[in-house]
């Protein structure tokens, strides 16, 4: 027959083991959840960055399209090379900095 002390010891041992296992499972759940939340937030931030970059590229493309349309409407587009440097740029003398005194 098992004595009262041994019976209480076995009860405490089982409760401690059960509690430790449950705490471990809860910690694992929390750790996994925190990792998933961090991953989702990271993906959301990445989406926001990509949308901002796409919007900026779209604005740039729209501005370029408007400028080209205005250029064509002015009637200059048929005779001009849009990628060539301007005549003023070719004729301009380079500006050099004045030497400094080392006094």
N, C-alpha and C. Protein backbone atom coordinates (compact mmCIF):
# COMPACT_ATOMS: atom_id res chain seq x y z
N UNK A 1 0.83 -1.16 0.00
CA UNK A 1 0.00 0.00 0.00
C UNK A 1 0.89 1.24 0.00
N UNK A 2 0.47 2.25 -0.76
CA UNK A 2 1.22 3.49 -0.91
C UNK A 2 0.83 4.42 0.22
N UNK A 3 1.85 5.03 0.83
CA UNK A 3 1.58 5.93 1.94
C UNK A 3 1.12 7.30 1.45
N UNK A 4 0.63 8.09 2.39
CA UNK A 4 0.12 9.42 2.07
C UNK A 4 1.21 10.31 1.48
N UNK A 5 2.42 10.27 2.05
CA UNK A 5 3.53 11.09 1.56
C UNK A 5 3.86 10.74 0.12
N UNK A 6 3.98 9.44 -0.18
CA UNK A 6 4.33 9.02 -1.54
C UNK A 6 3.21 9.36 -2.51
N UNK A 7 1.98 9.24 -2.07
CA UNK A 7 0.84 9.60 -2.91
C UNK A 7 0.87 11.09 -3.25
N UNK A 8 1.16 11.92 -2.25
CA UNK A 8 1.24 13.36 -2.48
C UNK A 8 2.42 13.71 -3.39
N UNK A 9 3.54 13.00 -3.19
CA UNK A 9 4.72 13.21 -4.05
C UNK A 9 4.39 12.90 -5.49
N UNK A 10 3.72 11.79 -5.74
CA UNK A 10 3.33 11.40 -7.10
C UNK A 10 2.38 12.43 -7.71
N UNK A 11 1.45 12.94 -6.91
CA UNK A 11 0.52 13.96 -7.39
C UNK A 11 1.26 15.23 -7.79
N UNK A 12 2.17 15.68 -6.93
CA UNK A 12 2.95 16.89 -7.23
C UNK A 12 3.82 16.67 -8.46
N UNK A 13 4.39 15.50 -8.57
CA UNK A 13 5.25 15.17 -9.72
C UNK A 13 4.43 15.22 -11.02
N UNK A 14 3.25 14.61 -11.03
CA UNK A 14 2.40 14.60 -12.22
C UNK A 14 1.90 16.02 -12.56
N UNK A 15 1.52 16.77 -11.55
CA UNK A 15 1.05 18.14 -11.80
C UNK A 15 2.18 19.00 -12.36
N UNK A 16 3.38 18.84 -11.81
CA UNK A 16 4.53 19.62 -12.29
C UNK A 16 4.86 19.26 -13.73
N UNK A 17 4.89 17.97 -14.04
CA UNK A 17 5.20 17.52 -15.40
C UNK A 17 4.13 18.00 -16.37
N UNK A 18 2.87 17.86 -15.98
CA UNK A 18 1.77 18.29 -16.85
C UNK A 18 1.82 19.80 -17.07
N UNK A 19 2.07 20.55 -15.99
CA UNK A 19 2.16 22.01 -16.11
C UNK A 19 3.32 22.43 -16.99
N UNK A 20 4.46 21.77 -16.84
CA UNK A 20 5.63 22.10 -17.66
C UNK A 20 5.37 21.83 -19.14
N UNK A 21 4.70 20.70 -19.42
CA UNK A 21 4.39 20.38 -20.82
C UNK A 21 3.43 21.41 -21.40
N UNK A 22 2.44 21.79 -20.63
CA UNK A 22 1.47 22.77 -21.12
C UNK A 22 2.12 24.14 -21.34
N UNK A 23 2.97 24.55 -20.40
CA UNK A 23 3.69 25.82 -20.56
C UNK A 23 4.58 25.76 -21.81
N UNK A 24 5.23 24.63 -22.02
CA UNK A 24 6.07 24.47 -23.22
C UNK A 24 5.26 24.57 -24.50
N UNK A 25 4.08 23.92 -24.52
CA UNK A 25 3.22 23.99 -25.71
C UNK A 25 2.73 25.41 -25.94
N UNK A 26 2.36 26.09 -24.85
CA UNK A 26 1.89 27.48 -24.98
C UNK A 26 3.03 28.36 -25.49
N UNK A 27 4.24 28.18 -24.97
CA UNK A 27 5.39 28.97 -25.43
C UNK A 27 5.66 28.71 -26.91
N UNK A 28 5.53 27.45 -27.33
CA UNK A 28 5.73 27.13 -28.75
C UNK A 28 4.68 27.82 -29.62
N UNK A 29 3.44 27.80 -29.16
CA UNK A 29 2.37 28.49 -29.90
C UNK A 29 2.64 29.98 -30.01
N UNK A 30 3.04 30.58 -28.89
CA UNK A 30 3.31 32.03 -28.89
C UNK A 30 4.48 32.34 -29.81
N UNK A 31 5.54 31.55 -29.74
CA UNK A 31 6.71 31.78 -30.58
C UNK A 31 6.34 31.68 -32.06
N UNK A 32 5.58 30.65 -32.41
CA UNK A 32 5.16 30.50 -33.81
C UNK A 32 4.27 31.64 -34.26
N UNK A 33 3.37 32.07 -33.39
CA UNK A 33 2.46 33.16 -33.73
C UNK A 33 3.22 34.47 -33.92
N UNK A 34 4.16 34.75 -33.03
CA UNK A 34 4.96 35.97 -33.16
C UNK A 34 5.75 35.95 -34.47
N UNK A 35 6.31 34.80 -34.82
CA UNK A 35 7.07 34.69 -36.07
C UNK A 35 6.15 34.92 -37.28
N UNK A 36 4.96 34.35 -37.25
CA UNK A 36 4.02 34.54 -38.36
C UNK A 36 3.57 35.99 -38.48
N UNK A 37 3.29 36.62 -37.35
CA UNK A 37 2.89 38.04 -37.36
C UNK A 37 4.01 38.90 -37.93
N UNK A 38 5.25 38.65 -37.50
CA UNK A 38 6.39 39.41 -38.01
C UNK A 38 6.54 39.21 -39.51
N UNK A 39 6.36 37.98 -39.98
CA UNK A 39 6.46 37.69 -41.41
C UNK A 39 5.38 38.43 -42.20
N UNK A 40 4.15 38.42 -41.68
CA UNK A 40 3.04 39.12 -42.35
C UNK A 40 3.27 40.63 -42.40
N UNK A 41 3.76 41.19 -41.31
CA UNK A 41 4.04 42.63 -41.28
C UNK A 41 5.14 42.95 -42.28
N UNK A 42 6.17 42.12 -42.34
CA UNK A 42 7.25 42.34 -43.30
C UNK A 42 6.76 42.30 -44.74
N UNK A 43 5.89 41.34 -45.03
CA UNK A 43 5.34 41.24 -46.39
C UNK A 43 4.46 42.44 -46.71
N UNK A 44 3.71 42.92 -45.72
CA UNK A 44 2.87 44.11 -45.92
C UNK A 44 3.73 45.33 -46.22
N UNK A 45 4.80 45.51 -45.47
CA UNK A 45 5.69 46.65 -45.70
C UNK A 45 6.33 46.54 -47.08
N UNK A 46 6.72 45.34 -47.48
CA UNK A 46 7.28 45.13 -48.82
C UNK A 46 6.26 45.53 -49.89
N UNK A 47 5.00 45.13 -49.70
CA UNK A 47 3.94 45.51 -50.65
C UNK A 47 3.78 47.02 -50.73
N UNK A 48 3.82 47.70 -49.59
CA UNK A 48 3.69 49.16 -49.57
C UNK A 48 4.84 49.80 -50.34
N UNK A 49 6.06 49.32 -50.11
CA UNK A 49 7.23 49.87 -50.81
C UNK A 49 7.09 49.65 -52.31
N UNK A 50 6.69 48.45 -52.72
CA UNK A 50 6.54 48.17 -54.15
C UNK A 50 5.46 49.02 -54.78
N UNK A 51 4.35 49.25 -54.05
CA UNK A 51 3.28 50.09 -54.59
C UNK A 51 3.74 51.54 -54.74
N UNK A 52 4.50 52.04 -53.76
CA UNK A 52 5.02 53.41 -53.85
C UNK A 52 5.95 53.54 -55.04
N UNK A 53 6.83 52.55 -55.24
CA UNK A 53 7.76 52.60 -56.37
C UNK A 53 7.01 52.53 -57.69
N UNK A 54 5.98 51.69 -57.76
CA UNK A 54 5.19 51.58 -58.99
C UNK A 54 4.44 52.88 -59.26
N UNK A 55 3.91 53.50 -58.22
CA UNK A 55 3.20 54.78 -58.41
C UNK A 55 4.15 55.87 -58.88
N UNK A 56 5.36 55.90 -58.31
CA UNK A 56 6.35 56.90 -58.74
C UNK A 56 6.75 56.66 -60.20
N UNK A 57 6.93 55.40 -60.58
CA UNK A 57 7.28 55.09 -61.97
C UNK A 57 6.14 55.48 -62.91
N UNK A 58 4.91 55.25 -62.48
CA UNK A 58 3.76 55.62 -63.31
C UNK A 58 3.67 57.13 -63.47
N UNK A 59 3.91 57.87 -62.38
CA UNK A 59 3.89 59.34 -62.49
C UNK A 59 5.00 59.82 -63.43
N UNK A 60 6.17 59.21 -63.32
CA UNK A 60 7.29 59.60 -64.19
C UNK A 60 6.94 59.30 -65.65
N UNK A 61 6.38 58.11 -65.91
CA UNK A 61 6.01 57.75 -67.28
C UNK A 61 4.93 58.69 -67.83
N UNK A 62 3.96 59.04 -66.99
CA UNK A 62 2.90 59.94 -67.43
C UNK A 62 3.45 61.32 -67.76
N UNK A 63 4.37 61.80 -66.93
CA UNK A 63 4.98 63.11 -67.19
C UNK A 63 5.79 63.07 -68.48
N UNK A 64 6.51 61.98 -68.69
CA UNK A 64 7.31 61.86 -69.91
C UNK A 64 6.39 61.78 -71.14
N UNK A 65 5.28 61.04 -71.02
CA UNK A 65 4.33 60.95 -72.13
C UNK A 65 3.73 62.31 -72.45
N UNK A 66 3.39 63.09 -71.39
CA UNK A 66 2.85 64.43 -71.61
C UNK A 66 3.87 65.33 -72.30
N UNK A 67 5.13 65.26 -71.88
CA UNK A 67 6.17 66.09 -72.47
C UNK A 67 6.38 65.72 -73.93
N UNK A 68 6.37 64.43 -74.23
CA UNK A 68 6.54 64.01 -75.62
C UNK A 68 5.35 64.43 -76.47
N UNK A 69 4.15 64.35 -75.90
CA UNK A 69 2.95 64.76 -76.64
C UNK A 69 3.00 66.26 -76.93
N UNK A 70 3.42 67.06 -75.97
CA UNK A 70 3.55 68.50 -76.19
C UNK A 70 4.61 68.80 -77.24
N UNK A 71 5.67 68.02 -77.23
CA UNK A 71 6.75 68.19 -78.20
C UNK A 71 6.24 67.87 -79.60
N UNK A 72 5.46 66.82 -79.74
CA UNK A 72 4.90 66.43 -81.04
C UNK A 72 3.90 67.47 -81.50
N UNK A 73 3.08 67.97 -80.59
CA UNK A 73 2.10 68.99 -80.95
C UNK A 73 2.77 70.27 -81.43
N UNK A 74 3.94 70.56 -80.93
CA UNK A 74 4.66 71.76 -81.35
C UNK A 74 5.22 71.61 -82.76
N UNK A 75 5.22 70.39 -83.32
CA UNK A 75 5.68 70.16 -84.68
C UNK A 75 7.18 70.03 -84.81
N UNK A 76 7.88 69.86 -83.73
CA UNK A 76 9.33 69.78 -83.76
C UNK A 76 9.79 68.34 -83.78
N UNK A 77 8.97 67.42 -83.41
CA UNK A 77 9.37 66.03 -83.21
C UNK A 77 9.87 65.37 -84.49
N UNK A 78 9.33 65.78 -85.64
CA UNK A 78 9.74 65.11 -86.88
C UNK A 78 11.18 65.43 -87.27
N UNK A 79 11.69 66.57 -86.84
CA UNK A 79 13.02 66.99 -87.28
C UNK A 79 14.07 66.92 -86.18
N UNK A 80 13.68 66.60 -84.97
CA UNK A 80 14.63 66.66 -83.85
C UNK A 80 14.91 65.26 -83.31
N UNK A 81 16.15 65.08 -82.85
CA UNK A 81 16.54 63.86 -82.17
C UNK A 81 16.43 64.13 -80.68
N UNK A 82 15.49 63.47 -80.03
CA UNK A 82 15.22 63.74 -78.62
C UNK A 82 16.38 63.36 -77.71
N UNK A 83 17.24 62.46 -78.17
CA UNK A 83 18.35 62.01 -77.34
C UNK A 83 19.63 62.82 -77.55
N UNK A 84 19.64 63.68 -78.57
CA UNK A 84 20.84 64.47 -78.86
C UNK A 84 20.99 65.60 -77.84
N UNK A 85 22.24 66.00 -77.55
CA UNK A 85 22.44 67.13 -76.63
C UNK A 85 21.98 68.43 -77.28
N UNK A 86 21.61 69.38 -76.48
CA UNK A 86 21.17 70.67 -76.99
C UNK A 86 22.35 71.43 -77.58
N UNK A 87 22.08 72.28 -78.56
CA UNK A 87 23.12 73.07 -79.20
C UNK A 87 23.78 73.98 -78.16
N UNK A 88 22.98 74.53 -77.26
CA UNK A 88 23.55 75.42 -76.25
C UNK A 88 24.57 74.67 -75.38
N UNK A 89 24.33 73.41 -75.13
CA UNK A 89 25.25 72.62 -74.32
C UNK A 89 26.58 72.40 -75.02
N UNK A 90 26.54 72.28 -76.35
CA UNK A 90 27.78 72.04 -77.10
C UNK A 90 28.63 73.30 -77.21
N UNK A 91 27.98 74.46 -77.32
CA UNK A 91 28.70 75.71 -77.50
C UNK A 91 29.19 76.31 -76.19
N UNK A 92 28.68 75.89 -75.09
CA UNK A 92 29.02 76.49 -73.80
C UNK A 92 30.44 76.10 -73.39
N UNK A 93 31.17 77.12 -72.91
CA UNK A 93 32.52 76.85 -72.41
C UNK A 93 32.43 76.27 -71.02
N UNK A 94 33.28 75.32 -70.71
CA UNK A 94 33.20 74.75 -69.36
C UNK A 94 33.60 75.78 -68.31
N UNK A 95 32.92 75.75 -67.19
CA UNK A 95 33.24 76.66 -66.10
C UNK A 95 34.22 75.97 -65.17
N UNK A 96 35.36 76.63 -64.95
CA UNK A 96 36.38 76.06 -64.09
C UNK A 96 36.43 76.85 -62.79
N UNK A 97 36.73 76.18 -61.73
CA UNK A 97 36.82 76.84 -60.43
C UNK A 97 38.12 77.61 -60.35
N UNK A 98 38.07 78.76 -59.67
CA UNK A 98 39.25 79.56 -59.46
C UNK A 98 40.17 78.86 -58.45
N UNK A 99 41.49 78.90 -58.66
CA UNK A 99 42.40 78.28 -57.69
C UNK A 99 42.34 79.06 -56.37
N UNK A 100 42.51 78.36 -55.29
CA UNK A 100 42.47 78.96 -53.98
C UNK A 100 43.91 79.22 -53.50
N UNK A 101 44.04 80.32 -52.77
CA UNK A 101 45.35 80.61 -52.17
C UNK A 101 45.54 79.70 -50.98
N UNK A 102 46.74 79.16 -50.83
CA UNK A 102 47.03 78.30 -49.69
C UNK A 102 47.76 79.09 -48.61
N UNK A 103 47.16 80.15 -48.18
CA UNK A 103 47.79 81.00 -47.18
C UNK A 103 47.33 80.67 -45.79
